[in-house]
Amino acid sequence: MPKRELLFKDLEGEREFGVLLLAQMGGAPNELQLIIETTEYDEAVQGFRPRRNFIVRALGVREHRLSLGLFGRIALLDDHPVLYQHNAPRVAVHFDGKPASINELIIDLSQTYVSTFGRWRSIAEMGDDLNTAMPMVQLLETGFGLLGTMPKPLAERVVKVLEHHCVKYSLSEEVGFQTHDENGRSRLSKALLLDTSYVVALDYSIEELGKV
């Protein structure tokens, strides 16, 4: 069985958990190494019985947020909110017109951000998505301007909010966005999730420690 499938199979059951023991920089540029132990909860001893240890090498790391310790869910995805910033073209959203209620529009924009990214992103940490040249209230009071330059999945939701508030808009998508390089290799990242921890990287290799 391929080691990636073995790791994921070890963590399928309700009594099976992983432990992120170590996260460290690897030998190659932008490489991150994770040491993961798989375990099974044994009610008889009220504790965890170790099963196997794996080393996960994340290659071409773009971003990570990791917490050492126990986790219950592992997934490797190519479609997830943490990937929008890396895998989607950026779109400039310009607006023209004033909403009936600026405060309601701001609340709806904030809720749209939350519904798009959930617990994975916050406006505070991803401020580049919205125009911060001036306070949002002041910007909307001008009646026109750049609302923000944001990943396409977010832009598609934002324009629906503007439509709801009867505000006109125009979109300008990033020029030259490419999903593959000149050799046909994918530029798109994948997200490795360990509960709420994650790594965003171009590719991953998984080996079982102590096995040839």
C-alpha atoms as a PDB file:
ATOM      1  CA  MET A   1       0.000   0.000   0.000  1.00  0.00           C
ATOM      2  CA  PRO A   2       1.409   3.461  -0.865  1.00  0.00           C
ATOM      3  CA  LYS A   3       2.535   5.286   2.285  1.00  0.00           C
ATOM      4  CA  ARG A   4       0.130   8.184   1.696  1.00  0.00           C
ATOM      5  CA  GLU A   5      -2.820   5.775   1.643  1.00  0.00           C
ATOM      6  CA  LEU A   6      -1.456   3.961   4.706  1.00  0.00           C
ATOM      7  CA  LEU A   7      -1.234   7.185   6.713  1.00  0.00           C
ATOM      8  CA  PHE A   8      -4.755   8.225   5.770  1.00  0.00           C
ATOM      9  CA  LYS A   9      -6.139   4.734   6.459  1.00  0.00           C
ATOM     10  CA  ASP A  10      -4.528   4.745   9.920  1.00  0.00           C
ATOM     11  CA  LEU A  11      -6.631   7.801  10.789  1.00  0.00           C
ATOM     12  CA  GLU A  12     -10.011   6.755   9.386  1.00  0.00           C
ATOM     13  CA  GLY A  13     -11.605   5.315  12.526  1.00  0.00           C
ATOM     14  CA  GLU A  14     -13.280   7.128  15.401  1.00  0.00           C
ATOM     15  CA  ARG A  15     -10.717   5.707  17.851  1.00  0.00           C
ATOM     16  CA  GLU A  16      -7.724   6.539  15.660  1.00  0.00           C
ATOM     17  CA  PHE A  17      -5.778   9.761  16.097  1.00  0.00           C
ATOM     18  CA  GLY A  18      -2.619  11.344  14.824  1.00  0.00           C
ATOM     19  CA  VAL A  19       0.011  13.195  16.802  1.00  0.00           C
ATOM     20  CA  LEU A  20       2.054  15.916  15.137  1.00  0.00           C
ATOM     21  CA  LEU A  21       5.337  15.361  16.951  1.00  0.00           C
ATOM     22  CA  LEU A  22       7.622  17.724  15.054  1.00  0.00           C
ATOM     23  CA  ALA A  23       7.595  20.377  12.348  1.00  0.00           C
ATOM     24  CA  GLN A  24      10.892  21.642  11.000  1.00  0.00           C
ATOM     25  CA  MET A  25      12.495  23.158   7.924  1.00  0.00           C
ATOM     26  CA  GLY A  26      13.790  20.630   5.402  1.00  0.00           C
ATOM     27  CA  GLY A  27      16.984  20.473   3.396  1.00  0.00           C
ATOM     28  CA  ALA A  28      15.530  21.963   0.209  1.00  0.00           C
ATOM     29  CA  PRO A  29      14.320  25.564  -0.209  1.00  0.00           C
ATOM     30  CA  ASN A  30      10.730  26.028   0.996  1.00  0.00           C
ATOM     31  CA  GLU A  31      10.560  22.463   2.343  1.00  0.00           C
ATOM     32  CA  LEU A  32       8.805  21.659   5.600  1.00  0.00           C
ATOM     33  CA  GLN A  33       9.054  18.281   7.324  1.00  0.00           C
ATOM     34  CA  LEU A  34       6.357  16.919   9.620  1.00  0.00           C
ATOM     35  CA  ILE A  35       6.753  13.880  11.864  1.00  0.00           C
ATOM     36  CA  ILE A  36       3.375  12.261  12.503  1.00  0.00           C
ATOM     37  CA  GLU A  37       2.605   9.321  14.769  1.00  0.00           C
ATOM     38  CA  THR A  38      -0.609   7.378  14.276  1.00  0.00           C
ATOM     39  CA  THR A  39      -2.289   5.951  17.368  1.00  0.00           C
ATOM     40  CA  GLU A  40      -5.390   4.079  18.471  1.00  0.00           C
ATOM     41  CA  TYR A  41      -7.288   4.912  21.635  1.00  0.00           C
ATOM     42  CA  ASP A  42      -7.523   1.927  23.975  1.00  0.00           C
ATOM     43  CA  GLU A  43     -10.336   2.210  26.515  1.00  0.00           C
ATOM     44  CA  ALA A  44      -8.878  -0.619  28.606  1.00  0.00           C
ATOM     45  CA  VAL A  45      -5.824   1.460  29.482  1.00  0.00           C
ATOM     46  CA  GLN A  46      -7.473   4.856  28.987  1.00  0.00           C
ATOM     47  CA  GLY A  47      -4.688   5.859  26.657  1.00  0.00           C
ATOM     48  CA  PHE A  48      -3.291   5.798  23.140  1.00  0.00           C
ATOM     49  CA  ARG A  49      -1.376   2.902  21.603  1.00  0.00           C
ATOM     50  CA  PRO A  50       1.208   3.963  18.965  1.00  0.00           C
ATOM     51  CA  ARG A  51       0.953   2.320  15.558  1.00  0.00           C
ATOM     52  CA  ARG A  52       3.277   3.897  12.991  1.00  0.00           C
ATOM     53  CA  ASN A  53       5.434   6.965  12.436  1.00  0.00           C
ATOM     54  CA  PHE A  54       5.524   8.907   9.179  1.00  0.00           C
ATOM     55  CA  ILE A  55       7.558  11.759   7.785  1.00  0.00           C
ATOM     56  CA  VAL A  56       5.630  14.138   5.545  1.00  0.00           C
ATOM     57  CA  ARG A  57       7.702  16.405   3.336  1.00  0.00           C
ATOM     58  CA  ALA A  58       5.870  19.473   2.078  1.00  0.00           C
ATOM     59  CA  LEU A  59       7.619  20.782  -1.029  1.00  0.00           C
ATOM     60  CA  GLY A  60       7.298  24.343  -2.279  1.00  0.00           C
ATOM     61  CA  VAL A  61       5.619  25.592   0.899  1.00  0.00           C
ATOM     62  CA  ARG A  62       3.595  28.773   0.439  1.00  0.00           C
ATOM     63  CA  GLU A  63       2.063  29.092   3.898  1.00  0.00           C
ATOM     64  CA  HIS A  64       1.546  27.106   7.094  1.00  0.00           C
ATOM     65  CA  ARG A  65      -0.176  27.299  10.446  1.00  0.00           C
ATOM     66  CA  LEU A  66       0.634  24.373  12.702  1.00  0.00           C
ATOM     67  CA  SER A  67       0.035  23.307  16.283  1.00  0.00           C
ATOM     68  CA  LEU A  68       1.915  20.324  17.673  1.00  0.00           C
ATOM     69  CA  GLY A  69      -0.064  17.588  19.383  1.00  0.00           C
ATOM     70  CA  LEU A  70      -3.140  15.432  18.882  1.00  0.00           C
ATOM     71  CA  PHE A  71      -5.445  15.685  15.867  1.00  0.00           C
ATOM     72  CA  GLY A  72      -8.314  13.569  14.613  1.00  0.00           C
ATOM     73  CA  ARG A  73      -8.742  14.479  10.950  1.00  0.00           C
ATOM     74  CA  ILE A  74      -6.296  14.558   8.060  1.00  0.00           C
ATOM     75  CA  ALA A  75      -7.059  15.604   4.499  1.00  0.00           C
ATOM     76  CA  LEU A  76      -5.158  16.586   1.373  1.00  0.00           C
ATOM     77  CA  LEU A  77      -7.230  18.920  -0.790  1.00  0.00           C
ATOM     78  CA  ASP A  78      -6.856  20.928  -3.975  1.00  0.00           C
ATOM     79  CA  ASP A  79     -10.020  22.970  -3.319  1.00  0.00           C
ATOM     80  CA  HIS A  80     -10.258  24.732   0.046  1.00  0.00           C
ATOM     81  CA  PRO A  81     -10.610  28.340   1.301  1.00  0.00           C
ATOM     82  CA  VAL A  82      -6.943  28.512   2.377  1.00  0.00           C
ATOM     83  CA  LEU A  83      -6.018  27.936  -1.274  1.00  0.00           C
ATOM     84  CA  TYR A  84      -7.969  30.860  -2.746  1.00  0.00           C
ATOM     85  CA  GLN A  85      -5.113  33.282  -2.049  1.00  0.00           C
ATOM     86  CA  HIS A  86      -2.685  31.012  -3.916  1.00  0.00           C
ATOM     87  CA  ASN A  87      -4.649  29.236  -6.644  1.00  0.00           C
ATOM     88  CA  ALA A  88      -7.115  31.822  -7.880  1.00  0.00           C
ATOM     89  CA  PRO A  89      -6.485  34.941  -9.969  1.00  0.00           C
ATOM     90  CA  ARG A  90      -6.885  38.234  -8.154  1.00  0.00           C
ATOM     91  CA  VAL A  91      -9.687  40.527  -9.226  1.00  0.00           C
ATOM     92  CA  ALA A  92      -9.897  44.292  -8.700  1.00  0.00           C
ATOM     93  CA  VAL A  93     -13.430  45.308  -7.719  1.00  0.00           C
ATOM     94  CA  HIS A  94     -14.349  48.950  -8.401  1.00  0.00           C
ATOM     95  CA  PHE A  95     -17.669  50.385  -7.248  1.00  0.00           C
ATOM     96  CA  ASP A  96     -19.742  53.323  -8.464  1.00  0.00           C
ATOM     97  CA  GLY A  97     -22.612  54.614  -6.356  1.00  0.00           C
ATOM     98  CA  LYS A  98     -23.666  54.970  -2.748  1.00  0.00           C
ATOM     99  CA  PRO A  99     -25.724  52.354  -0.910  1.00  0.00           C
ATOM    100  CA  ALA A 100     -28.832  53.360   0.996  1.00  0.00           C
ATOM    101  CA  SER A 101     -27.060  52.293   4.183  1.00  0.00           C
ATOM    102  CA  ILE A 102     -23.257  52.259   4.289  1.00  0.00           C
ATOM    103  CA  ASN A 103     -23.232  50.464   7.639  1.00  0.00           C
ATOM    104  CA  GLU A 104     -25.445  47.657   6.343  1.00  0.00           C
ATOM    105  CA  LEU A 105     -23.221  47.240   3.304  1.00  0.00           C
ATOM    106  CA  ILE A 106     -20.118  47.009   5.498  1.00  0.00           C
ATOM    107  CA  ILE A 107     -21.820  44.401   7.697  1.00  0.00           C
ATOM    108  CA  ASP A 108     -22.806  42.362   4.630  1.00  0.00           C
ATOM    109  CA  LEU A 109     -19.270  42.564   3.229  1.00  0.00           C
ATOM    110  CA  SER A 110     -17.874  41.328   6.531  1.00  0.00           C
ATOM    111  CA  GLN A 111     -20.369  38.458   6.650  1.00  0.00           C
ATOM    112  CA  THR A 112     -19.495  37.563   3.057  1.00  0.00           C
ATOM    113  CA  TYR A 113     -15.817  37.336   3.997  1.00  0.00           C
ATOM    114  CA  VAL A 114     -16.661  35.056   6.914  1.00  0.00           C
ATOM    115  CA  SER A 115     -18.953  32.837   4.837  1.00  0.00           C
ATOM    116  CA  THR A 116     -16.254  32.531   2.148  1.00  0.00           C
ATOM    117  CA  PHE A 117     -13.294  31.701   4.388  1.00  0.00           C
ATOM    118  CA  GLY A 118     -14.961  30.473   7.572  1.00  0.00           C
ATOM    119  CA  ARG A 119     -12.520  30.015  10.445  1.00  0.00           C
ATOM    120  CA  TRP A 120      -9.552  29.820   8.067  1.00  0.00           C
ATOM    121  CA  ARG A 121      -9.139  33.538   7.360  1.00  0.00           C
ATOM    122  CA  SER A 122     -10.016  36.857   8.950  1.00  0.00           C
ATOM    123  CA  ILE A 123     -10.175  40.322   7.429  1.00  0.00           C
ATOM    124  CA  ALA A 124      -7.654  41.510   9.997  1.00  0.00           C
ATOM    125  CA  GLU A 125      -4.939  39.111   8.818  1.00  0.00           C
ATOM    126  CA  MET A 126      -5.752  39.340   5.108  1.00  0.00           C
ATOM    127  CA  GLY A 127      -6.158  43.115   4.860  1.00  0.00           C
ATOM    128  CA  ASP A 128      -4.754  43.292   1.320  1.00  0.00           C
ATOM    129  CA  ASP A 129      -8.050  41.967  -0.023  1.00  0.00           C
ATOM    130  CA  LEU A 130      -9.789  45.271   0.761  1.00  0.00           C
ATOM    131  CA  ASN A 131      -8.672  48.798   0.005  1.00  0.00           C
ATOM    132  CA  THR A 132      -7.071  50.153   3.181  1.00  0.00           C
ATOM    133  CA  ALA A 133      -6.038  53.524   1.752  1.00  0.00           C
ATOM    134  CA  MET A 134      -8.831  55.038   3.868  1.00  0.00           C
ATOM    135  CA  PRO A 135     -11.453  53.794   6.352  1.00  0.00           C
ATOM    136  CA  MET A 136     -14.178  51.748   4.650  1.00  0.00           C
ATOM    137  CA  VAL A 137     -16.939  54.142   5.704  1.00  0.00           C
ATOM    138  CA  GLN A 138     -15.072  57.076   4.207  1.00  0.00           C
ATOM    139  CA  LEU A 139     -14.307  55.125   1.033  1.00  0.00           C
ATOM    140  CA  LEU A 140     -17.943  54.185   0.469  1.00  0.00           C
ATOM    141  CA  GLU A 141     -19.067  57.753   1.178  1.00  0.00           C
ATOM    142  CA  THR A 142     -17.019  58.945  -1.809  1.00  0.00           C
ATOM    143  CA  GLY A 143     -19.384  57.010  -4.058  1.00  0.00           C
ATOM    144  CA  PHE A 144     -16.732  55.451  -6.253  1.00  0.00           C
ATOM    145  CA  GLY A 145     -13.306  53.831  -6.139  1.00  0.00           C
ATOM    146  CA  LEU A 146     -11.440  50.587  -5.628  1.00  0.00           C
ATOM    147  CA  LEU A 147     -13.192  48.396  -3.080  1.00  0.00           C
ATOM    148  CA  GLY A 148     -10.359  45.874  -3.085  1.00  0.00           C
ATOM    149  CA  THR A 149      -8.238  43.411  -5.016  1.00  0.00           C
ATOM    150  CA  MET A 150      -9.164  39.931  -3.920  1.00  0.00           C
ATOM    151  CA  PRO A 151      -9.177  36.251  -4.949  1.00  0.00           C
ATOM    152  CA  LYS A 152     -11.780  35.526  -7.605  1.00  0.00           C
ATOM    153  CA  PRO A 153     -14.007  33.302  -5.397  1.00  0.00           C
ATOM    154  CA  LEU A 154     -14.342  36.186  -2.924  1.00  0.00           C
ATOM    155  CA  ALA A 155     -14.884  38.771  -5.669  1.00  0.00           C
ATOM    156  CA  GLU A 156     -17.751  36.705  -7.090  1.00  0.00           C
ATOM    157  CA  ARG A 157     -19.492  36.834  -3.725  1.00  0.00           C
ATOM    158  CA  VAL A 158     -18.722  40.501  -3.088  1.00  0.00           C
ATOM    159  CA  VAL A 159     -20.360  41.659  -6.327  1.00  0.00           C
ATOM    160  CA  LYS A 160     -23.578  39.918  -5.286  1.00  0.00           C
ATOM    161  CA  VAL A 161     -23.535  42.032  -2.131  1.00  0.00           C
ATOM    162  CA  LEU A 162     -23.025  45.188  -4.199  1.00  0.00           C
ATOM    163  CA  GLU A 163     -25.916  44.189  -6.463  1.00  0.00           C
ATOM    164  CA  HIS A 164     -28.127  43.644  -3.420  1.00  0.00           C
ATOM    165  CA  HIS A 165     -27.346  47.192  -2.274  1.00  0.00           C
ATOM    166  CA  CYS A 166     -27.905  48.592  -5.794  1.00  0.00           C
ATOM    167  CA  VAL A 167     -24.282  49.662  -6.179  1.00  0.00           C
ATOM    168  CA  LYS A 168     -22.731  49.417  -9.651  1.00  0.00           C
ATOM    169  CA  TYR A 169     -19.364  47.715 -10.048  1.00  0.00           C
ATOM    170  CA  SER A 170     -16.688  46.752 -12.552  1.00  0.00           C
ATOM    171  CA  LEU A 171     -14.163  43.907 -12.420  1.00  0.00           C
ATOM    172  CA  SER A 172     -10.593  43.713 -13.651  1.00  0.00           C
ATOM    173  CA  GLU A 173      -9.040  40.249 -13.463  1.00  0.00           C
ATOM    174  CA  GLU A 174      -5.313  39.696 -13.009  1.00  0.00           C
ATOM    175  CA  VAL A 175      -3.507  39.470 -16.351  1.00  0.00           C
ATOM    176  CA  GLY A 176      -1.120  36.601 -16.994  1.00  0.00           C
ATOM    177  CA  PHE A 177      -2.378  34.271 -14.262  1.00  0.00           C
ATOM    178  CA  GLN A 178      -1.137  30.791 -15.160  1.00  0.00           C
ATOM    179  CA  THR A 179      -2.028  27.446 -13.614  1.00  0.00           C
ATOM    180  CA  HIS A 180       0.985  25.687 -15.238  1.00  0.00           C
ATOM    181  CA  ASP A 181       4.558  26.684 -15.978  1.00  0.00           C
ATOM    182  CA  GLU A 182       6.299  26.555 -19.363  1.00  0.00           C
ATOM    183  CA  ASN A 183       7.099  22.854 -18.824  1.00  0.00           C
ATOM    184  CA  GLY A 184       3.504  21.929 -18.106  1.00  0.00           C
ATOM    185  CA  ARG A 185       3.996  21.525 -14.366  1.00  0.00           C
ATOM    186  CA  SER A 186       1.198  22.698 -12.137  1.00  0.00           C
ATOM    187  CA  ARG A 187       1.646  25.955 -10.227  1.00  0.00           C
ATOM    188  CA  LEU A 188      -1.379  25.189  -8.064  1.00  0.00           C
ATOM    189  CA  SER A 189      -0.918  24.401  -4.392  1.00  0.00           C
ATOM    190  CA  LYS A 190      -2.557  21.731  -2.251  1.00  0.00           C
ATOM    191  CA  ALA A 191      -3.664  22.022   1.348  1.00  0.00           C
ATOM    192  CA  LEU A 192      -2.750  19.408   3.951  1.00  0.00           C
ATOM    193  CA  LEU A 193      -5.175  19.745   6.868  1.00  0.00           C
ATOM    194  CA  LEU A 194      -4.633  18.350  10.364  1.00  0.00           C
ATOM    195  CA  ASP A 195      -7.850  19.453  12.072  1.00  0.00           C
ATOM    196  CA  THR A 196      -7.404  23.259  12.117  1.00  0.00           C
ATOM    197  CA  SER A 197      -3.673  23.139  11.356  1.00  0.00           C
ATOM    198  CA  TYR A 198      -2.626  23.316   7.724  1.00  0.00           C
ATOM    199  CA  VAL A 199       0.205  23.508   5.231  1.00  0.00           C
ATOM    200  CA  VAL A 200      -0.147  24.988   1.756  1.00  0.00           C
ATOM    201  CA  ALA A 201       2.468  23.587  -0.635  1.00  0.00           C
ATOM    202  CA  LEU A 202       2.968  22.532  -4.244  1.00  0.00           C
ATOM    203  CA  ASP A 203       3.383  18.835  -3.441  1.00  0.00           C
ATOM    204  CA  TYR A 204       3.918  16.334  -0.651  1.00  0.00           C
ATOM    205  CA  SER A 205       5.845  13.106  -0.168  1.00  0.00           C
ATOM    206  CA  ILE A 206       5.077  10.656   2.633  1.00  0.00           C
ATOM    207  CA  GLU A 207       7.323   7.897   3.967  1.00  0.00           C
ATOM    208  CA  GLU A 208       7.004   5.542   6.906  1.00  0.00           C
ATOM    209  CA  LEU A 209       9.856   5.922   9.367  1.00  0.00           C
ATOM    210  CA  GLY A 210      11.847   2.809  10.080  1.00  0.00           C
ATOM    211  CA  LYS A 211      10.706   1.158   6.851  1.00  0.00           C
ATOM    212  CA  VAL A 212      12.711   0.737   3.663  1.00  0.00           C
END
